[in-house]
Amino acid sequence: MSTVSSSGAYRIAPSLLSADFARLGEEVRAVEAAGVDLIHFDVMDNHYVPNLTVGPLVCEAIRPHVSIPIDVHLMVRPVDRLVGDFAKAGANLITFHPEASDHVDRTLQLIRDHGCKAGLVFNPATPLGWLDYVMPKLDIVLLMSVNPGFGGQKFIASTLGKLAEVRARIDRHVAGGGQPIWLEVDGGVRVDNIAAIARAGADTFVAGSAVFGAPDPDRGYRGVVGRMRDALATVD
């Protein structure tokens, strides 16, 4: 049974940051077979965040292994140089942190010009004022519920109030004739808190260690993804 919210279908996006990098093709095929909706691809540059991960070549390498969208989260500075590379590598959505771009409106348009959905990412302490100026160019808003840079961190509870605030902004925007905007959350999402996060307004959930670190002994990733779907089904 599909799970839905007032904003549409709930989407689960396992983060490759927690996958086995020695067998990424197998890992992405397995989570797609388990019924996830997106592959979340974390890009870190050791400048904007204190870690170094993967780039466009790895995105290009996994693209033939899955048919679902690849959701690229750029934790880099500067942003624009990489947009075209990731679009060419097979990204479907590209999000970035507004403080990492000199011209936020221009970067959003650049992403859209390359045929991808565009979005902004807000760290736990980043104010939401950027949204006042760019809502018409957003396809997705991503709230970090941990400080970016490393997987396996604990969910920051104050994100729930921030989610509710963004959900209200999105709903007002749509009610006024604006385009739909997804509301994604990333960091510390687990089976035991995903329903509360959905009730706060999220419709898209990045889960790294909760998926890749906890395969069901009998059902593999399908087991944990199923438990997340079951928890979402309890949301009014």
Protein backbone atom coordinates (compact mmCIF):
# COMPACT_ATOMS: atom_id res chain seq x y z
CA MET A 1 0.00 0.00 0.00
CA SER A 2 1.36 3.43 -0.87
CA THR A 3 1.71 6.03 1.85
CA VAL A 4 0.63 9.60 1.18
CA SER A 5 0.58 12.98 2.87
CA SER A 6 -1.31 16.16 2.09
CA SER A 7 1.55 17.02 -0.25
CA GLY A 8 1.45 13.74 -2.15
CA ALA A 9 3.30 10.43 -1.90
CA TYR A 10 5.90 9.80 0.75
CA ARG A 11 9.33 9.15 -0.75
CA ILE A 12 12.21 7.20 0.82
CA ALA A 13 15.72 8.05 -0.38
CA PRO A 14 18.57 5.92 1.00
CA SER A 15 21.86 7.81 1.21
CA LEU A 16 24.81 6.17 -0.50
CA LEU A 17 27.06 7.69 2.16
CA SER A 18 26.26 4.63 4.29
CA ALA A 19 26.43 2.05 1.49
CA ASP A 20 29.25 -0.42 0.85
CA PHE A 21 31.42 1.55 -1.59
CA ALA A 22 33.16 -1.62 -2.74
CA ARG A 23 29.91 -2.78 -4.38
CA LEU A 24 27.85 0.33 -5.11
CA GLY A 25 26.17 -1.11 -8.20
CA GLU A 26 24.86 -4.05 -6.20
CA GLU A 27 23.80 -1.77 -3.35
CA VAL A 28 21.73 0.62 -5.50
CA ARG A 29 20.09 -2.28 -7.32
CA ALA A 30 19.19 -3.84 -3.98
CA VAL A 31 17.55 -0.73 -2.53
CA GLU A 32 15.63 -0.09 -5.73
CA ALA A 33 14.36 -3.67 -5.58
CA ALA A 34 13.36 -2.98 -1.95
CA GLY A 35 10.99 -0.28 -3.17
CA VAL A 36 12.73 3.02 -2.45
CA ASP A 37 11.88 6.09 -4.51
CA LEU A 38 15.20 7.91 -4.94
CA ILE A 39 18.93 7.38 -4.53
CA HIS A 40 20.41 10.17 -2.38
CA PHE A 41 23.93 11.07 -3.49
CA ASP A 42 26.00 13.12 -1.01
CA VAL A 43 28.79 15.21 -2.50
CA MET A 44 31.30 16.66 -0.01
CA ASP A 45 34.37 18.70 -0.93
CA ASN A 46 36.40 18.99 2.31
CA HIS A 47 35.91 22.78 2.11
CA TYR A 48 32.24 23.51 2.72
CA VAL A 49 32.06 20.44 4.98
CA PRO A 50 34.91 18.57 6.70
CA ASN A 51 34.75 15.43 4.60
CA LEU A 52 35.49 14.27 1.05
CA THR A 53 33.22 11.84 -0.75
CA VAL A 54 32.34 11.25 -4.39
CA GLY A 55 31.92 13.17 -7.63
CA PRO A 56 30.27 13.02 -11.05
CA LEU A 57 32.18 9.93 -12.21
CA VAL A 58 30.63 7.82 -9.45
CA CYS A 59 27.18 9.22 -10.23
CA GLU A 60 27.71 8.31 -13.88
CA ALA A 61 28.85 4.82 -12.86
CA ILE A 62 25.71 4.01 -10.84
CA ARG A 63 23.24 5.61 -13.25
CA PRO A 64 22.89 2.48 -15.46
CA HIS A 65 22.17 0.35 -12.39
CA VAL A 66 18.91 2.07 -11.37
CA SER A 67 15.81 3.44 -13.05
CA ILE A 68 14.72 5.64 -10.15
CA PRO A 69 15.85 9.30 -9.83
CA ILE A 70 19.24 10.24 -8.41
CA ASP A 71 18.98 13.04 -5.84
CA VAL A 72 22.33 14.87 -5.71
CA HIS A 73 23.04 16.93 -2.59
CA LEU A 74 25.97 19.29 -3.19
CA MET A 75 27.85 20.14 0.01
CA VAL A 76 30.44 22.09 -1.95
CA ARG A 77 31.67 25.63 -2.53
CA PRO A 78 31.45 26.96 -5.22
CA VAL A 79 28.38 25.22 -6.64
CA ASP A 80 27.90 26.22 -10.26
CA ARG A 81 30.97 24.50 -11.70
CA LEU A 82 29.59 21.07 -10.78
CA VAL A 83 25.97 21.49 -11.88
CA GLY A 84 26.56 20.64 -15.54
CA ASP A 85 28.85 17.74 -14.67
CA PHE A 86 26.23 16.09 -12.44
CA ALA A 87 23.41 16.72 -14.89
CA LYS A 88 25.48 15.03 -17.59
CA ALA A 89 26.29 12.17 -15.19
CA GLY A 90 22.61 11.37 -14.74
CA ALA A 91 21.39 13.43 -11.79
CA ASN A 92 17.66 14.14 -11.73
CA LEU A 93 17.54 16.48 -8.72
CA ILE A 94 20.31 18.81 -7.55
CA THR A 95 20.20 20.63 -4.23
CA PHE A 96 22.76 23.02 -2.74
CA HIS A 97 23.31 25.19 0.32
CA PRO A 98 22.44 28.86 -0.34
CA GLU A 99 25.42 30.20 1.59
CA ALA A 100 27.70 28.23 -0.77
CA SER A 101 26.50 30.13 -3.86
CA ASP A 102 27.25 33.75 -4.73
CA HIS A 103 23.99 34.02 -6.69
CA VAL A 104 21.29 31.67 -5.37
CA ASP A 105 18.64 32.60 -7.94
CA ARG A 106 21.13 32.12 -10.79
CA THR A 107 22.27 28.73 -9.49
CA LEU A 108 18.67 27.48 -9.21
CA GLN A 109 18.03 28.56 -12.78
CA LEU A 110 21.26 26.92 -13.93
CA ILE A 111 20.14 23.60 -12.45
CA ARG A 112 16.76 23.87 -14.17
CA ASP A 113 18.41 24.87 -17.45
CA HIS A 114 20.30 21.57 -17.32
CA GLY A 115 17.04 19.65 -17.08
CA CYS A 116 17.14 18.81 -13.38
CA LYS A 117 14.83 19.65 -10.51
CA ALA A 118 16.39 22.29 -8.24
CA GLY A 119 16.38 22.82 -4.51
CA LEU A 120 17.91 24.54 -1.49
CA VAL A 121 19.37 22.86 1.59
CA PHE A 122 19.19 24.41 5.06
CA ASN A 123 21.54 23.41 7.86
CA PRO A 124 20.12 23.21 11.40
CA ALA A 125 21.20 26.80 12.19
CA THR A 126 20.57 28.30 8.75
CA PRO A 127 17.60 30.74 8.72
CA LEU A 128 14.80 30.24 6.21
CA GLY A 129 14.77 33.80 4.87
CA TRP A 130 16.25 32.70 1.53
CA LEU A 131 12.86 31.16 0.74
CA ASP A 132 11.23 34.59 0.64
CA TYR A 133 12.87 35.28 -2.71
CA VAL A 134 13.14 32.04 -4.67
CA MET A 135 10.03 29.93 -4.07
CA PRO A 136 8.95 30.03 -7.75
CA LYS A 137 12.23 28.34 -8.76
CA LEU A 138 12.19 25.56 -6.17
CA ASP A 139 11.21 21.95 -6.76
CA ILE A 140 12.46 20.76 -3.38
CA VAL A 141 13.52 22.10 0.01
CA LEU A 142 15.88 19.91 2.04
CA LEU A 143 16.25 20.44 5.77
CA MET A 144 19.32 18.97 7.42
CA SER A 145 18.41 17.37 10.74
CA VAL A 146 22.10 16.88 11.54
CA ASN A 147 25.11 19.06 10.86
CA PRO A 148 26.34 18.01 7.41
CA GLY A 149 29.56 16.16 6.83
CA PHE A 150 29.16 12.68 8.31
CA GLY A 151 26.62 9.87 8.36
CA GLY A 152 25.20 8.15 11.41
CA GLN A 153 24.42 11.25 13.48
CA LYS A 154 21.45 11.69 15.84
CA PHE A 155 18.35 13.57 14.65
CA ILE A 156 18.22 17.17 15.96
CA ALA A 157 14.75 17.54 17.49
CA SER A 158 14.41 21.26 16.72
CA THR A 159 14.15 20.30 13.05
CA LEU A 160 10.52 19.31 13.66
CA GLY A 161 9.47 22.92 14.25
CA LYS A 162 11.47 24.07 11.25
CA LEU A 163 9.79 21.43 9.10
CA ALA A 164 6.38 22.69 10.18
CA GLU A 165 7.35 26.25 9.26
CA VAL A 166 8.55 25.24 5.80
CA ARG A 167 5.46 23.09 5.25
CA ALA A 168 3.29 26.14 6.01
CA ARG A 169 5.30 28.24 3.53
CA ILE A 170 4.97 25.60 0.83
CA ASP A 171 1.25 25.19 1.42
CA ARG A 172 0.70 28.95 1.16
CA HIS A 173 2.76 29.04 -2.03
CA VAL A 174 0.77 26.23 -3.63
CA ALA A 175 -2.55 27.68 -2.47
CA GLY A 176 -1.58 30.91 -4.20
CA GLY A 177 -1.09 29.11 -7.49
CA GLY A 178 2.55 28.14 -7.13
CA GLN A 179 4.17 24.88 -8.22
CA PRO A 180 4.40 21.85 -5.91
CA ILE A 181 7.58 21.69 -3.80
CA TRP A 182 8.86 18.58 -2.06
CA LEU A 183 9.97 18.85 1.56
CA GLU A 184 12.88 16.55 2.28
CA VAL A 185 14.68 15.83 5.55
CA ASP A 186 18.16 14.35 5.92
CA GLY A 187 19.90 13.08 9.04
CA GLY A 188 19.06 10.61 11.76
CA VAL A 189 15.87 9.37 10.09
CA ARG A 190 14.93 5.94 11.45
CA VAL A 191 11.97 3.60 11.65
CA ASP A 192 11.11 4.86 15.14
CA ASN A 193 10.99 8.58 14.26
CA ILE A 194 9.97 8.73 10.59
CA ALA A 195 6.25 9.06 11.43
CA ALA A 196 6.86 12.05 13.72
CA ILE A 197 8.97 13.65 11.00
CA ALA A 198 6.17 13.12 8.49
CA ARG A 199 3.62 14.64 10.89
CA ALA A 200 5.81 17.75 11.07
CA GLY A 201 5.47 18.15 7.31
CA ALA A 202 8.16 16.17 5.51
CA ASP A 203 7.24 14.07 2.48
CA THR A 204 10.71 12.86 1.42
CA PHE A 205 13.09 11.06 3.80
CA VAL A 206 16.81 10.51 3.43
CA ALA A 207 17.91 7.49 5.47
CA GLY A 208 21.49 6.28 5.31
CA SER A 209 22.65 4.06 8.15
CA ALA A 210 19.04 3.20 9.02
CA VAL A 211 18.73 1.45 5.64
CA PHE A 212 22.21 0.33 4.65
CA GLY A 213 23.27 -0.45 8.22
CA ALA A 214 20.25 -2.52 9.18
CA PRO A 215 19.26 -5.03 6.49
CA ASP A 216 16.65 -7.57 7.56
CA PRO A 217 18.23 -11.03 8.00
CA ASP A 218 15.48 -12.56 5.88
CA ARG A 219 14.25 -9.74 3.64
CA GLY A 220 17.38 -7.60 3.21
CA TYR A 221 16.70 -3.92 2.60
CA ARG A 222 13.08 -4.70 1.79
CA GLY A 223 12.52 -5.38 5.50
CA VAL A 224 13.67 -2.00 6.83
CA VAL A 225 12.05 -0.10 3.96
CA GLY A 226 8.82 -1.97 4.65
CA ARG A 227 8.95 -1.00 8.32
CA MET A 228 9.41 2.64 7.33
CA ARG A 229 6.39 2.38 5.01
CA ASP A 230 4.37 0.81 7.81
CA ALA A 231 5.30 3.65 10.17
CA LEU A 232 4.34 6.26 7.54
CA ALA A 233 1.00 4.53 7.07
CA THR A 234 0.12 5.49 10.66
CA VAL A 235 0.35 9.22 9.90
CA ASP A 236 -3.06 10.91 9.73
